[in-house]
Amino acid sequence: MSVEVVKGSHFRNLSLNRPPDTYARLSLLNSVGQEISRCKTSVRRGQPNPVYKETFMFQVALFQLSDVTLLVSVFNRRSMKKQMVGWIALGQNSSGEEEQSHWTDMREAKGQQVCRWHALLEG
């Protein structure tokens, strides 16, 4: 399974008057919520609308697609601490109808790319 994180929009750093330093972390979870694999984008510094354009590969058999969850979390990296900006989940434990629809369309697309925007849920 190939996953591309394209960009984010309207990220704010509420504690400071400057755009946040952000990165996205992708975690593939099995049917009981255990992490199978994880990867993350590089940090985009001081950008309210960061462009990541990074692609990640996850080894998932076709028959396993109904049993896994892809958790996408965006973090603001402030000096020594990190703070979650928001998250979404696609797959078995999708975080909403849009995410479930995206996952279903991806499974039915037979290898074709399915690109969608998602609104992050509060961290």
PDB file of N, CA and C in Angstrom:
ATOM      1  N   MET A   1       0.852  -1.171   0.000  1.00  0.00           N
ATOM      2  CA  MET A   1       0.000   0.000   0.000  1.00  0.00           C
ATOM      3  C   MET A   1       0.899   1.235   0.000  1.00  0.00           C
ATOM      4  N   SER A   2       0.613   2.148  -0.900  1.00  0.00           N
ATOM      5  CA  SER A   2       1.371   3.389  -1.010  1.00  0.00           C
ATOM      6  C   SER A   2       0.526   4.529  -0.459  1.00  0.00           C
ATOM      7  N   VAL A   3       1.110   5.332   0.415  1.00  0.00           N
ATOM      8  CA  VAL A   3       0.402   6.459   1.028  1.00  0.00           C
ATOM      9  C   VAL A   3       1.224   7.725   0.800  1.00  0.00           C
ATOM     10  N   GLU A   4       0.595   8.753   0.244  1.00  0.00           N
ATOM     11  CA  GLU A   4       1.290  10.023   0.048  1.00  0.00           C
ATOM     12  C   GLU A   4       0.666  11.090   0.937  1.00  0.00           C
ATOM     13  N   VAL A   5       1.509  11.761   1.705  1.00  0.00           N
ATOM     14  CA  VAL A   5       1.081  12.920   2.487  1.00  0.00           C
ATOM     15  C   VAL A   5       1.437  14.124   1.634  1.00  0.00           C
ATOM     16  N   VAL A   6       0.420  14.824   1.147  1.00  0.00           N
ATOM     17  CA  VAL A   6       0.656  15.906   0.198  1.00  0.00           C
ATOM     18  C   VAL A   6       0.886  17.233   0.899  1.00  0.00           C
ATOM     19  N   LYS A   7      -0.111  17.702   1.636  1.00  0.00           N
ATOM     20  CA  LYS A   7       0.046  19.001   2.299  1.00  0.00           C
ATOM     21  C   LYS A   7      -0.956  19.174   3.423  1.00  0.00           C
ATOM     22  N   GLY A   8      -0.715  20.189   4.233  1.00  0.00           N
ATOM     23  CA  GLY A   8      -1.637  20.567   5.287  1.00  0.00           C
ATOM     24  C   GLY A   8      -2.048  22.008   5.060  1.00  0.00           C
ATOM     25  N   SER A   9      -3.132  22.418   5.677  1.00  0.00           N
ATOM     26  CA  SER A   9      -3.524  23.817   5.522  1.00  0.00           C
ATOM     27  C   SER A   9      -4.091  24.367   6.823  1.00  0.00           C
ATOM     28  N   HIS A  10      -3.846  25.634   7.028  1.00  0.00           N
ATOM     29  CA  HIS A  10      -4.356  26.391   8.179  1.00  0.00           C
ATOM     30  C   HIS A  10      -3.861  25.875   9.523  1.00  0.00           C
ATOM     31  N   PHE A  11      -2.590  25.419   9.583  1.00  0.00           N
ATOM     32  CA  PHE A  11      -2.017  25.012  10.862  1.00  0.00           C
ATOM     33  C   PHE A  11      -1.622  26.269  11.628  1.00  0.00           C
ATOM     34  N   ARG A  12      -1.946  26.291  12.915  1.00  0.00           N
ATOM     35  CA  ARG A  12      -1.631  27.451  13.749  1.00  0.00           C
ATOM     36  C   ARG A  12      -0.828  27.003  14.959  1.00  0.00           C
ATOM     37  N   ASN A  13       0.001  27.899  15.440  1.00  0.00           N
ATOM     38  CA  ASN A  13       0.716  27.682  16.676  1.00  0.00           C
ATOM     39  C   ASN A  13       0.077  28.634  17.680  1.00  0.00           C
ATOM     40  N   LEU A  14      -0.789  28.107  18.522  1.00  0.00           N
ATOM     41  CA  LEU A  14      -1.560  28.959  19.420  1.00  0.00           C
ATOM     42  C   LEU A  14      -0.715  29.603  20.513  1.00  0.00           C
ATOM     43  N   SER A  15       0.393  28.961  20.877  1.00  0.00           N
ATOM     44  CA  SER A  15       1.187  29.484  21.984  1.00  0.00           C
ATOM     45  C   SER A  15       2.156  30.580  21.547  1.00  0.00           C
ATOM     46  N   LEU A  16       2.465  30.618  20.266  1.00  0.00           N
ATOM     47  CA  LEU A  16       3.395  31.631  19.759  1.00  0.00           C
ATOM     48  C   LEU A  16       2.757  32.353  18.573  1.00  0.00           C
ATOM     49  N   ASN A  17       3.260  33.504  18.248  1.00  0.00           N
ATOM     50  CA  ASN A  17       2.711  34.233  17.112  1.00  0.00           C
ATOM     51  C   ASN A  17       3.466  33.950  15.822  1.00  0.00           C
ATOM     52  N   ARG A  18       3.775  32.676  15.603  1.00  0.00           N
ATOM     53  CA  ARG A  18       4.418  32.298  14.346  1.00  0.00           C
ATOM     54  C   ARG A  18       3.889  30.929  13.930  1.00  0.00           C
ATOM     55  N   PRO A  19       3.962  30.607  12.625  1.00  0.00           N
ATOM     56  CA  PRO A  19       3.469  29.308  12.167  1.00  0.00           C
ATOM     57  C   PRO A  19       4.253  28.162  12.816  1.00  0.00           C
ATOM     58  N   PRO A  20       3.610  27.003  12.979  1.00  0.00           N
ATOM     59  CA  PRO A  20       4.243  25.879  13.682  1.00  0.00           C
ATOM     60  C   PRO A  20       5.241  25.116  12.814  1.00  0.00           C
ATOM     61  N   ASP A  21       6.089  24.343  13.481  1.00  0.00           N
ATOM     62  CA  ASP A  21       6.984  23.384  12.832  1.00  0.00           C
ATOM     63  C   ASP A  21       6.260  22.039  12.916  1.00  0.00           C
ATOM     64  N   THR A  22       5.827  21.490  11.785  1.00  0.00           N
ATOM     65  CA  THR A  22       4.991  20.297  11.818  1.00  0.00           C
ATOM     66  C   THR A  22       5.588  19.132  11.049  1.00  0.00           C
ATOM     67  N   TYR A  23       5.123  17.938  11.412  1.00  0.00           N
ATOM     68  CA  TYR A  23       5.403  16.721  10.658  1.00  0.00           C
ATOM     69  C   TYR A  23       4.213  15.784  10.830  1.00  0.00           C
ATOM     70  N   ALA A  24       4.068  14.842   9.891  1.00  0.00           N
ATOM     71  CA  ALA A  24       2.994  13.848   9.973  1.00  0.00           C
ATOM     72  C   ALA A  24       3.612  12.489  10.291  1.00  0.00           C
ATOM     73  N   ARG A  25       2.956  11.758  11.187  1.00  0.00           N
ATOM     74  CA  ARG A  25       3.381  10.397  11.516  1.00  0.00           C
ATOM     75  C   ARG A  25       2.288   9.439  11.056  1.00  0.00           C
ATOM     76  N   LEU A  26       2.674   8.401  10.349  1.00  0.00           N
ATOM     77  CA  LEU A  26       1.736   7.396   9.860  1.00  0.00           C
ATOM     78  C   LEU A  26       2.013   6.093  10.582  1.00  0.00           C
ATOM     79  N   SER A  27       0.979   5.514  11.169  1.00  0.00           N
ATOM     80  CA  SER A  27       1.116   4.244  11.878  1.00  0.00           C
ATOM     81  C   SER A  27       0.107   3.263  11.308  1.00  0.00           C
ATOM     82  N   LEU A  28       0.581   2.078  10.953  1.00  0.00           N
ATOM     83  CA  LEU A  28      -0.308   1.022  10.490  1.00  0.00           C
ATOM     84  C   LEU A  28      -0.570   0.104  11.675  1.00  0.00           C
ATOM     85  N   LEU A  29      -1.862  -0.058  12.004  1.00  0.00           N
ATOM     86  CA  LEU A  29      -2.256  -0.841  13.178  1.00  0.00           C
ATOM     87  C   LEU A  29      -2.973  -2.111  12.750  1.00  0.00           C
ATOM     88  N   ASN A  30      -2.765  -3.200  13.504  1.00  0.00           N
ATOM     89  CA  ASN A  30      -3.477  -4.438  13.201  1.00  0.00           C
ATOM     90  C   ASN A  30      -4.877  -4.393  13.798  1.00  0.00           C
ATOM     91  N   SER A  31      -5.609  -5.504  13.695  1.00  0.00           N
ATOM     92  CA  SER A  31      -7.021  -5.518  14.098  1.00  0.00           C
ATOM     93  C   SER A  31      -7.244  -5.282  15.584  1.00  0.00           C
ATOM     94  N   VAL A  32      -6.213  -5.478  16.413  1.00  0.00           N
ATOM     95  CA  VAL A  32      -6.368  -5.223  17.853  1.00  0.00           C
ATOM     96  C   VAL A  32      -5.653  -3.947  18.291  1.00  0.00           C
ATOM     97  N   GLY A  33      -5.248  -3.117  17.315  1.00  0.00           N
ATOM     98  CA  GLY A  33      -4.673  -1.816  17.632  1.00  0.00           C
ATOM     99  C   GLY A  33      -3.180  -1.790  17.881  1.00  0.00           C
ATOM    100  N   GLN A  34      -2.489  -2.912  17.633  1.00  0.00           N
ATOM    101  CA  GLN A  34      -1.037  -2.937  17.811  1.00  0.00           C
ATOM    102  C   GLN A  34      -0.370  -2.374  16.556  1.00  0.00           C
ATOM    103  N   GLU A  35       0.690  -1.607  16.767  1.00  0.00           N
ATOM    104  CA  GLU A  35       1.391  -0.996  15.652  1.00  0.00           C
ATOM    105  C   GLU A  35       2.197  -2.037  14.873  1.00  0.00           C
ATOM    106  N   ILE A  36       1.955  -2.108  13.562  1.00  0.00           N
ATOM    107  CA  ILE A  36       2.693  -3.020  12.684  1.00  0.00           C
ATOM    108  C   ILE A  36       3.921  -2.293  12.138  1.00  0.00           C
ATOM    109  N   SER A  37       3.717  -1.065  11.673  1.00  0.00           N
ATOM    110  CA  SER A  37       4.845  -0.262  11.197  1.00  0.00           C
ATOM    111  C   SER A  37       4.508   1.211  11.315  1.00  0.00           C
ATOM    112  N   ARG A  38       5.570   2.036  11.235  1.00  0.00           N
ATOM    113  CA  ARG A  38       5.420   3.477  11.439  1.00  0.00           C
ATOM    114  C   ARG A  38       6.444   4.202  10.581  1.00  0.00           C
ATOM    115  N   CYS A  39       6.059   5.393  10.126  1.00  0.00           N
ATOM    116  CA  CYS A  39       6.994   6.266   9.422  1.00  0.00           C
ATOM    117  C   CYS A  39       6.534   7.703   9.625  1.00  0.00           C
ATOM    118  N   LYS A  40       7.399   8.644   9.274  1.00  0.00           N
ATOM    119  CA  LYS A  40       7.002  10.043   9.432  1.00  0.00           C
ATOM    120  C   LYS A  40       7.657  10.903   8.365  1.00  0.00           C
ATOM    121  N   THR A  41       7.012  12.038   8.117  1.00  0.00           N
ATOM    122  CA  THR A  41       7.547  12.988   7.153  1.00  0.00           C
ATOM    123  C   THR A  41       8.671  13.773   7.817  1.00  0.00           C
ATOM    124  N   SER A  42       9.400  14.520   7.020  1.00  0.00           N
ATOM    125  CA  SER A  42      10.376  15.434   7.602  1.00  0.00           C
ATOM    126  C   SER A  42       9.619  16.644   8.156  1.00  0.00           C
ATOM    127  N   VAL A  43      10.274  17.413   9.010  1.00  0.00           N
ATOM    128  CA  VAL A  43       9.654  18.569   9.655  1.00  0.00           C
ATOM    129  C   VAL A  43       9.615  19.747   8.684  1.00  0.00           C
ATOM    130  N   ARG A  44       8.465  20.398   8.618  1.00  0.00           N
ATOM    131  CA  ARG A  44       8.321  21.626   7.828  1.00  0.00           C
ATOM    132  C   ARG A  44       8.285  22.776   8.832  1.00  0.00           C
ATOM    133  N   ARG A  45       9.295  23.616   8.761  1.00  0.00           N
ATOM    134  CA  ARG A  45       9.456  24.676   9.773  1.00  0.00           C
ATOM    135  C   ARG A  45       8.708  25.955   9.408  1.00  0.00           C
ATOM    136  N   GLY A  46       7.942  26.466  10.388  1.00  0.00           N
ATOM    137  CA  GLY A  46       7.307  27.768  10.265  1.00  0.00           C
ATOM    138  C   GLY A  46       6.373  27.916   9.076  1.00  0.00           C
ATOM    139  N   GLN A  47       5.585  26.886   8.791  1.00  0.00           N
ATOM    140  CA  GLN A  47       4.677  26.948   7.645  1.00  0.00           C
ATOM    141  C   GLN A  47       3.237  26.660   8.075  1.00  0.00           C
ATOM    142  N   PRO A  48       2.325  27.624   7.878  1.00  0.00           N
ATOM    143  CA  PRO A  48       0.925  27.376   8.215  1.00  0.00           C
ATOM    144  C   PRO A  48       0.257  26.434   7.217  1.00  0.00           C
ATOM    145  N   ASN A  49       0.803  26.348   5.986  1.00  0.00           N
ATOM    146  CA  ASN A  49       0.273  25.479   4.934  1.00  0.00           C
ATOM    147  C   ASN A  49       1.412  24.622   4.378  1.00  0.00           C
ATOM    148  N   PRO A  50       1.936  23.711   5.186  1.00  0.00           N
ATOM    149  CA  PRO A  50       3.119  22.949   4.783  1.00  0.00           C
ATOM    150  C   PRO A  50       2.854  22.001   3.613  1.00  0.00           C
ATOM    151  N   VAL A  51       3.827  21.918   2.712  1.00  0.00           N
ATOM    152  CA  VAL A  51       3.777  20.958   1.615  1.00  0.00           C
ATOM    153  C   VAL A  51       4.787  19.856   1.945  1.00  0.00           C
ATOM    154  N   TYR A  52       4.284  18.641   2.104  1.00  0.00           N
ATOM    155  CA  TYR A  52       5.144  17.506   2.451  1.00  0.00           C
ATOM    156  C   TYR A  52       5.535  16.724   1.193  1.00  0.00           C
ATOM    157  N   LYS A  53       4.546  16.348   0.394  1.00  0.00           N
ATOM    158  CA  LYS A  53       4.774  15.564  -0.837  1.00  0.00           C
ATOM    159  C   LYS A  53       5.741  14.405  -0.603  1.00  0.00           C
ATOM    160  N   GLU A  54       5.438  13.589   0.398  1.00  0.00           N
ATOM    161  CA  GLU A  54       6.255  12.427   0.717  1.00  0.00           C
ATOM    162  C   GLU A  54       5.385  11.171   0.626  1.00  0.00           C
ATOM    163  N   THR A  55       5.948  10.129   0.034  1.00  0.00           N
ATOM    164  CA  THR A  55       5.230   8.872  -0.172  1.00  0.00           C
ATOM    165  C   THR A  55       5.852   7.771   0.675  1.00  0.00           C
ATOM    166  N   PHE A  56       4.998   6.952   1.265  1.00  0.00           N
ATOM    167  CA  PHE A  56       5.446   5.862   2.134  1.00  0.00           C
ATOM    168  C   PHE A  56       4.812   4.557   1.671  1.00  0.00           C
ATOM    169  N   MET A  57       5.554   3.484   1.811  1.00  0.00           N
ATOM    170  CA  MET A  57       5.064   2.162   1.411  1.00  0.00           C
ATOM    171  C   MET A  57       4.843   1.299   2.656  1.00  0.00           C
ATOM    172  N   PHE A  58       3.694   0.638   2.688  1.00  0.00           N
ATOM    173  CA  PHE A  58       3.386  -0.311   3.763  1.00  0.00           C
ATOM    174  C   PHE A  58       3.130  -1.669   3.114  1.00  0.00           C
ATOM    175  N   GLN A  59       3.735  -2.712   3.670  1.00  0.00           N
ATOM    176  CA  GLN A  59       3.529  -4.067   3.161  1.00  0.00           C
ATOM    177  C   GLN A  59       2.243  -4.619   3.768  1.00  0.00           C
ATOM    178  N   VAL A  60       1.189  -4.682   2.953  1.00  0.00           N
ATOM    179  CA  VAL A  60      -0.103  -5.190   3.404  1.00  0.00           C
ATOM    180  C   VAL A  60      -0.653  -6.110   2.319  1.00  0.00           C
ATOM    181  N   ALA A  61      -0.989  -7.327   2.693  1.00  0.00           N
ATOM    182  CA  ALA A  61      -1.603  -8.253   1.741  1.00  0.00           C
ATOM    183  C   ALA A  61      -3.040  -7.801   1.472  1.00  0.00           C
ATOM    184  N   LEU A  62      -3.536  -8.073   0.272  1.00  0.00           N
ATOM    185  CA  LEU A  62      -4.900  -7.661  -0.082  1.00  0.00           C
ATOM    186  C   LEU A  62      -5.928  -8.150   0.925  1.00  0.00           C
ATOM    187  N   PHE A  63      -5.781  -9.381   1.383  1.00  0.00           N
ATOM    188  CA  PHE A  63      -6.765  -9.930   2.327  1.00  0.00           C
ATOM    189  C   PHE A  63      -6.689  -9.253   3.700  1.00  0.00           C
ATOM    190  N   GLN A  64      -5.580  -8.560   3.990  1.00  0.00           N
ATOM    191  CA  GLN A  64      -5.435  -7.890   5.288  1.00  0.00           C
ATOM    192  C   GLN A  64      -6.038  -6.480   5.296  1.00  0.00           C
ATOM    193  N   LEU A  65      -6.358  -5.928   4.124  1.00  0.00           N
ATOM    194  CA  LEU A  65      -6.831  -4.539   4.060  1.00  0.00           C
ATOM    195  C   LEU A  65      -8.088  -4.282   4.890  1.00  0.00           C
ATOM    196  N   SER A  66      -8.918  -5.295   5.074  1.00  0.00           N
ATOM    197  CA  SER A  66     -10.136  -5.094   5.870  1.00  0.00           C
ATOM    198  C   SER A  66      -9.850  -5.132   7.368  1.00  0.00           C
ATOM    199  N   ASP A  67      -8.638  -5.555   7.755  1.00  0.00           N
ATOM    200  CA  ASP A  67      -8.311  -5.726   9.177  1.00  0.00           C
ATOM    201  C   ASP A  67      -7.338  -4.696   9.736  1.00  0.00           C
ATOM    202  N   VAL A  68      -6.852  -3.767   8.908  1.00  0.00           N
ATOM    203  CA  VAL A  68      -5.853  -2.810   9.396  1.00  0.00           C
ATOM    204  C   VAL A  68      -6.425  -1.397   9.448  1.00  0.00           C
ATOM    205  N   THR A  69      -5.751  -0.553  10.220  1.00  0.00           N
ATOM    206  CA  THR A  69      -6.113   0.858  10.343  1.00  0.00           C
ATOM    207  C   THR A  69      -4.864   1.688  10.093  1.00  0.00           C
ATOM    208  N   LEU A  70      -4.995   2.721   9.275  1.00  0.00           N
ATOM    209  CA  LEU A  70      -3.906   3.665   9.045  1.00  0.00           C
ATOM    210  C   LEU A  70      -4.205   4.911   9.862  1.00  0.00           C
ATOM    211  N   LEU A  71      -3.368   5.163  10.863  1.00  0.00           N
ATOM    212  CA  LEU A  71      -3.525   6.330  11.727  1.00  0.00           C
ATOM    213  C   LEU A  71      -2.553   7.408  11.253  1.00  0.00           C
ATOM    214  N   VAL A  72      -3.097   8.574  10.908  1.00  0.00           N
ATOM    215  CA  VAL A  72      -2.280   9.702  10.458  1.00  0.00           C
ATOM    216  C   VAL A  72      -2.390  10.793  11.518  1.00  0.00           C
ATOM    217  N   SER A  73      -1.257  11.131  12.138  1.00  0.00           N
ATOM    218  CA  SER A  73      -1.226  12.151  13.193  1.00  0.00           C
ATOM    219  C   SER A  73      -0.280  13.265  12.767  1.00  0.00           C
ATOM    220  N   VAL A  74      -0.694  14.504  13.001  1.00  0.00           N
ATOM    221  CA  VAL A  74       0.163  15.651  12.689  1.00  0.00           C
ATOM    222  C   VAL A  74       0.599  16.267  14.009  1.00  0.00           C
ATOM    223  N   PHE A  75       1.897  16.504  14.123  1.00  0.00           N
ATOM    224  CA  PHE A  75       2.459  17.054  15.353  1.00  0.00           C
ATOM    225  C   PHE A  75       3.133  18.387  15.098  1.00  0.00           C
ATOM    226  N   ASN A  76       3.070  19.256  16.109  1.00  0.00           N
ATOM    227  CA  ASN A  76       3.810  20.506  16.133  1.00  0.00           C
ATOM    228  C   ASN A  76       5.025  20.253  17.015  1.00  0.00           C
ATOM    229  N   ARG A  77       6.207  20.373  16.424  1.00  0.00           N
ATOM    230  CA  ARG A  77       7.431  20.110  17.193  1.00  0.00           C
ATOM    231  C   ARG A  77       7.960  21.419  17.757  1.00  0.00           C
ATOM    232  N   ARG A  78       7.683  21.640  19.033  1.00  0.00           N
ATOM    233  CA  ARG A  78       8.148  22.851  19.704  1.00  0.00           C
ATOM    234  C   ARG A  78       9.377  22.499  20.522  1.00  0.00           C
ATOM    235  N   SER A  79      10.489  23.068  20.189  1.00  0.00           N
ATOM    236  CA  SER A  79      11.777  22.827  20.859  1.00  0.00           C
ATOM    237  C   SER A  79      11.908  21.375  21.343  1.00  0.00           C
ATOM    238  N   MET A  80      11.742  21.112  22.625  1.00  0.00           N
ATOM    239  CA  MET A  80      11.950  19.764  23.150  1.00  0.00           C
ATOM    240  C   MET A  80      10.655  18.947  23.230  1.00  0.00           C
ATOM    241  N   LYS A  81       9.506  19.624  23.153  1.00  0.00           N
ATOM    242  CA  LYS A  81       8.230  18.918  23.283  1.00  0.00           C
ATOM    243  C   LYS A  81       7.566  18.786  21.923  1.00  0.00           C
ATOM    244  N   LYS A  82       6.668  17.817  21.813  1.00  0.00           N
ATOM    245  CA  LYS A  82       5.833  17.758  20.625  1.00  0.00           C
ATOM    246  C   LYS A  82       4.379  17.812  21.070  1.00  0.00           C
ATOM    247  N   GLN A  83       3.562  18.437  20.237  1.00  0.00           N
ATOM    248  CA  GLN A  83       2.168  18.654  20.575  1.00  0.00           C
ATOM    249  C   GLN A  83       1.334  18.217  19.366  1.00  0.00           C
ATOM    250  N   MET A  84       0.307  17.403  19.600  1.00  0.00           N
ATOM    251  CA  MET A  84      -0.503  16.928  18.488  1.00  0.00           C
ATOM    252  C   MET A  84      -1.384  18.048  17.949  1.00  0.00           C
ATOM    253  N   VAL A  85      -1.338  18.248  16.634  1.00  0.00           N
ATOM    254  CA  VAL A  85      -2.200  19.212  15.956  1.00  0.00           C
ATOM    255  C   VAL A  85      -3.554  18.558  15.709  1.00  0.00           C
ATOM    256  N   GLY A  86      -3.530  17.294  15.256  1.00  0.00           N
ATOM    257  CA  GLY A  86      -4.759  16.564  14.992  1.00  0.00           C
ATOM    258  C   GLY A  86      -4.462  15.217  14.365  1.00  0.00           C
ATOM    259  N   TRP A  87      -5.520  14.446  14.079  1.00  0.00           N
ATOM    260  CA  TRP A  87      -5.342  13.095  13.570  1.00  0.00           C
ATOM    261  C   TRP A  87      -6.566  12.651  12.784  1.00  0.00           C
ATOM    262  N   ILE A  88      -6.375  11.617  11.966  1.00  0.00           N
ATOM    263  CA  ILE A  88      -7.465  10.900  11.310  1.00  0.00           C
ATOM    264  C   ILE A  88      -7.072   9.425  11.265  1.00  0.00           C
ATOM    265  N   ALA A  89      -8.065   8.564  11.088  1.00  0.00           N
ATOM    266  CA  ALA A  89      -7.808   7.133  10.937  1.00  0.00           C
ATOM    267  C   ALA A  89      -8.629   6.619   9.762  1.00  0.00           C
ATOM    268  N   LEU A  90      -7.986   5.790   8.942  1.00  0.00           N
ATOM    269  CA  LEU A  90      -8.650   5.167   7.807  1.00  0.00           C
ATOM    270  C   LEU A  90      -8.532   3.658   7.944  1.00  0.00           C
ATOM    271  N   GLY A  91      -9.544   2.928   7.492  1.00  0.00           N
ATOM    272  CA  GLY A  91      -9.474   1.471   7.533  1.00  0.00           C
ATOM    273  C   GLY A  91     -10.487   0.883   8.494  1.00  0.00           C
ATOM    274  N   GLN A  92     -10.092  -0.201   9.158  1.00  0.00           N
ATOM    275  CA  GLN A  92     -11.007  -0.926  10.045  1.00  0.00           C
ATOM    276  C   GLN A  92     -11.649  -0.002  11.082  1.00  0.00           C
ATOM    277  N   ASN A  93     -10.846   0.848  11.700  1.00  0.00           N
ATOM    278  CA  ASN A  93     -11.358   1.765  12.729  1.00  0.00           C
ATOM    279  C   ASN A  93     -11.298   3.205  12.236  1.00  0.00           C
ATOM    280  N   SER A  94     -11.951   3.474  11.105  1.00  0.00           N
ATOM    281  CA  SER A  94     -11.950   4.818  10.533  1.00  0.00           C
ATOM    282  C   SER A  94     -12.546   5.826  11.514  1.00  0.00           C
ATOM    283  N   SER A  95     -12.023   7.057  11.455  1.00  0.00           N
ATOM    284  CA  SER A  95     -12.458   8.092  12.391  1.00  0.00           C
ATOM    285  C   SER A  95     -13.739   8.796  11.941  1.00  0.00           C
ATOM    286  N   GLY A  96     -14.245   8.488  10.754  1.00  0.00           N
ATOM    287  CA  GLY A  96     -15.478   9.119  10.291  1.00  0.00           C
ATOM    288  C   GLY A  96     -15.918   8.563   8.948  1.00  0.00           C
ATOM    289  N   GLU A  97     -17.055   9.062   8.459  1.00  0.00           N
ATOM    290  CA  GLU A  97     -17.611   8.569   7.198  1.00  0.00           C
ATOM    291  C   GLU A  97     -16.710   8.884   6.007  1.00  0.00           C
ATOM    292  N   GLU A  98     -16.123  10.093   5.982  1.00  0.00           N
ATOM    293  CA  GLU A  98     -15.238  10.476   4.876  1.00  0.00           C
ATOM    294  C   GLU A  98     -14.023   9.550   4.803  1.00  0.00           C
ATOM    295  N   GLU A  99     -13.462   9.248   5.962  1.00  0.00           N
ATOM    296  CA  GLU A  99     -12.289   8.379   6.009  1.00  0.00           C
ATOM    297  C   GLU A  99     -12.652   6.950   5.594  1.00  0.00           C
ATOM    298  N   GLN A 100     -13.823   6.472   6.039  1.00  0.00           N
ATOM    299  CA  GLN A 100     -14.263   5.124   5.663  1.00  0.00           C
ATOM    300  C   GLN A 100     -14.520   5.057   4.160  1.00  0.00           C
ATOM    301  N   SER A 101     -15.120   6.106   3.611  1.00  0.00           N
ATOM    302  CA  SER A 101     -15.397   6.166   2.180  1.00  0.00           C
ATOM    303  C   SER A 101     -14.094   6.162   1.373  1.00  0.00           C
ATOM    304  N   HIS A 102     -13.100   6.912   1.831  1.00  0.00           N
ATOM    305  CA  HIS A 102     -11.800   6.960   1.158  1.00  0.00           C
ATOM    306  C   HIS A 102     -11.170   5.570   1.149  1.00  0.00           C
ATOM    307  N   TRP A 103     -11.207   4.888   2.285  1.00  0.00           N
ATOM    308  CA  TRP A 103     -10.614   3.553   2.398  1.00  0.00           C
ATOM    309  C   TRP A 103     -11.326   2.566   1.465  1.00  0.00           C
ATOM    310  N   THR A 104     -12.659   2.624   1.444  1.00  0.00           N
ATOM    311  CA  THR A 104     -13.450   1.739   0.576  1.00  0.00           C
ATOM    312  C   THR A 104     -13.119   2.001  -0.885  1.00  0.00           C
ATOM    313  N   ASP A 105     -13.068   3.277  -1.278  1.00  0.00           N
ATOM    314  CA  ASP A 105     -12.737   3.635  -2.661  1.00  0.00           C
ATOM    315  C   ASP A 105     -11.339   3.161  -3.028  1.00  0.00           C
ATOM    316  N   MET A 106     -10.393   3.275  -2.095  1.00  0.00           N
ATOM    317  CA  MET A 106      -9.020   2.832  -2.340  1.00  0.00           C
ATOM    318  C   MET A 106      -8.997   1.313  -2.572  1.00  0.00           C
ATOM    319  N   ARG A 107      -9.726   0.576  -1.757  1.00  0.00           N
ATOM    320  CA  ARG A 107      -9.747  -0.891  -1.897  1.00  0.00           C
ATOM    321  C   ARG A 107     -10.358  -1.314  -3.227  1.00  0.00           C
ATOM    322  N   GLU A 108     -11.338  -0.536  -3.715  1.00  0.00           N
ATOM    323  CA  GLU A 108     -12.029  -0.888  -4.957  1.00  0.00           C
ATOM    324  C   GLU A 108     -11.338  -0.337  -6.201  1.00  0.00           C
ATOM    325  N   ALA A 109     -10.316   0.497  -6.019  1.00  0.00           N
ATOM    326  CA  ALA A 109      -9.666   1.172  -7.144  1.00  0.00           C
ATOM    327  C   ALA A 109      -8.656   0.293  -7.881  1.00  0.00           C
ATOM    328  N   LYS A 110      -8.383  -0.884  -7.366  1.00  0.00           N
ATOM    329  CA  LYS A 110      -7.486  -1.842  -8.016  1.00  0.00           C
ATOM    330  C   LYS A 110      -6.150  -1.222  -8.444  1.00  0.00           C
ATOM    331  N   GLY A 111      -5.485  -0.575  -7.496  1.00  0.00           N
ATOM    332  CA  GLY A 111      -4.149  -0.040  -7.761  1.00  0.00           C
ATOM    333  C   GLY A 111      -4.110   1.394  -8.239  1.00  0.00           C
ATOM    334  N   GLN A 112      -5.256   1.985  -8.552  1.00  0.00           N
ATOM    335  CA  GLN A 112      -5.288   3.382  -8.968  1.00  0.00           C
ATOM    336  C   GLN A 112      -5.245   4.280  -7.734  1.00  0.00           C
ATOM    337  N   GLN A 113      -4.617   5.428  -7.871  1.00  0.00           N
ATOM    338  CA  GLN A 113      -4.499   6.361  -6.748  1.00  0.00           C
ATOM    339  C   GLN A 113      -5.844   7.009  -6.434  1.00  0.00           C
ATOM    340  N   VAL A 114      -6.156   7.111  -5.154  1.00  0.00           N
ATOM    341  CA  VAL A 114      -7.371   7.778  -4.692  1.00  0.00           C
ATOM    342  C   VAL A 114      -6.928   8.886  -3.746  1.00  0.00           C
ATOM    343  N   CYS A 115      -7.117  10.132  -4.150  1.00  0.00           N
ATOM    344  CA  CYS A 115      -6.633  11.278  -3.376  1.00  0.00           C
ATOM    345  C   CYS A 115      -7.810  12.034  -2.768  1.00  0.00           C
ATOM    346  N   ARG A 116      -7.747  12.317  -1.462  1.00  0.00           N
ATOM    347  CA  ARG A 116      -8.815  13.047  -0.773  1.00  0.00           C
ATOM    348  C   ARG A 116      -8.221  13.973   0.290  1.00  0.00           C
ATOM    349  N   TRP A 117      -8.925  15.068   0.539  1.00  0.00           N
ATOM    350  CA  TRP A 117      -8.615  15.942   1.667  1.00  0.00           C
ATOM    351  C   TRP A 117      -9.332  15.399   2.886  1.00  0.00           C
ATOM    352  N   HIS A 118      -8.720  15.567   4.063  1.00  0.00           N
ATOM    353  CA  HIS A 118      -9.375  15.180   5.315  1.00  0.00           C
ATOM    354  C   HIS A 118      -9.165  16.274   6.345  1.00  0.00           C
ATOM    355  N   ALA A 119     -10.234  16.550   7.106  1.00  0.00           N
ATOM    356  CA  ALA A 119     -10.110  17.494   8.217  1.00  0.00           C
ATOM    357  C   ALA A 119      -9.625  16.719   9.428  1.00  0.00           C
ATOM    358  N   LEU A 120      -8.590  17.249  10.090  1.00  0.00           N
ATOM    359  CA  LEU A 120      -8.047  16.584  11.269  1.00  0.00           C
ATOM    360  C   LEU A 120      -8.987  16.717  12.451  1.00  0.00           C
ATOM    361  N   LEU A 121      -9.028  15.679  13.265  1.00  0.00           N
ATOM    362  CA  LEU A 121      -9.748  15.725  14.529  1.00  0.00           C
ATOM    363  C   LEU A 121      -8.807  16.293  15.580  1.00  0.00           C
ATOM    364  N   GLU A 122      -9.359  16.945  16.569  1.00  0.00           N
ATOM    365  CA  GLU A 122      -8.543  17.567  17.612  1.00  0.00           C
ATOM    366  C   GLU A 122      -7.667  16.536  18.315  1.00  0.00           C
ATOM    367  N   GLY A 123      -6.391  16.934  18.591  1.00  0.00           N
ATOM    368  CA  GLY A 123      -5.466  16.019  19.266  1.00  0.00           C
ATOM    369  C   GLY A 123      -5.768  15.904  20.639  1.00  0.00           C
TER     370      GLY A 123
END
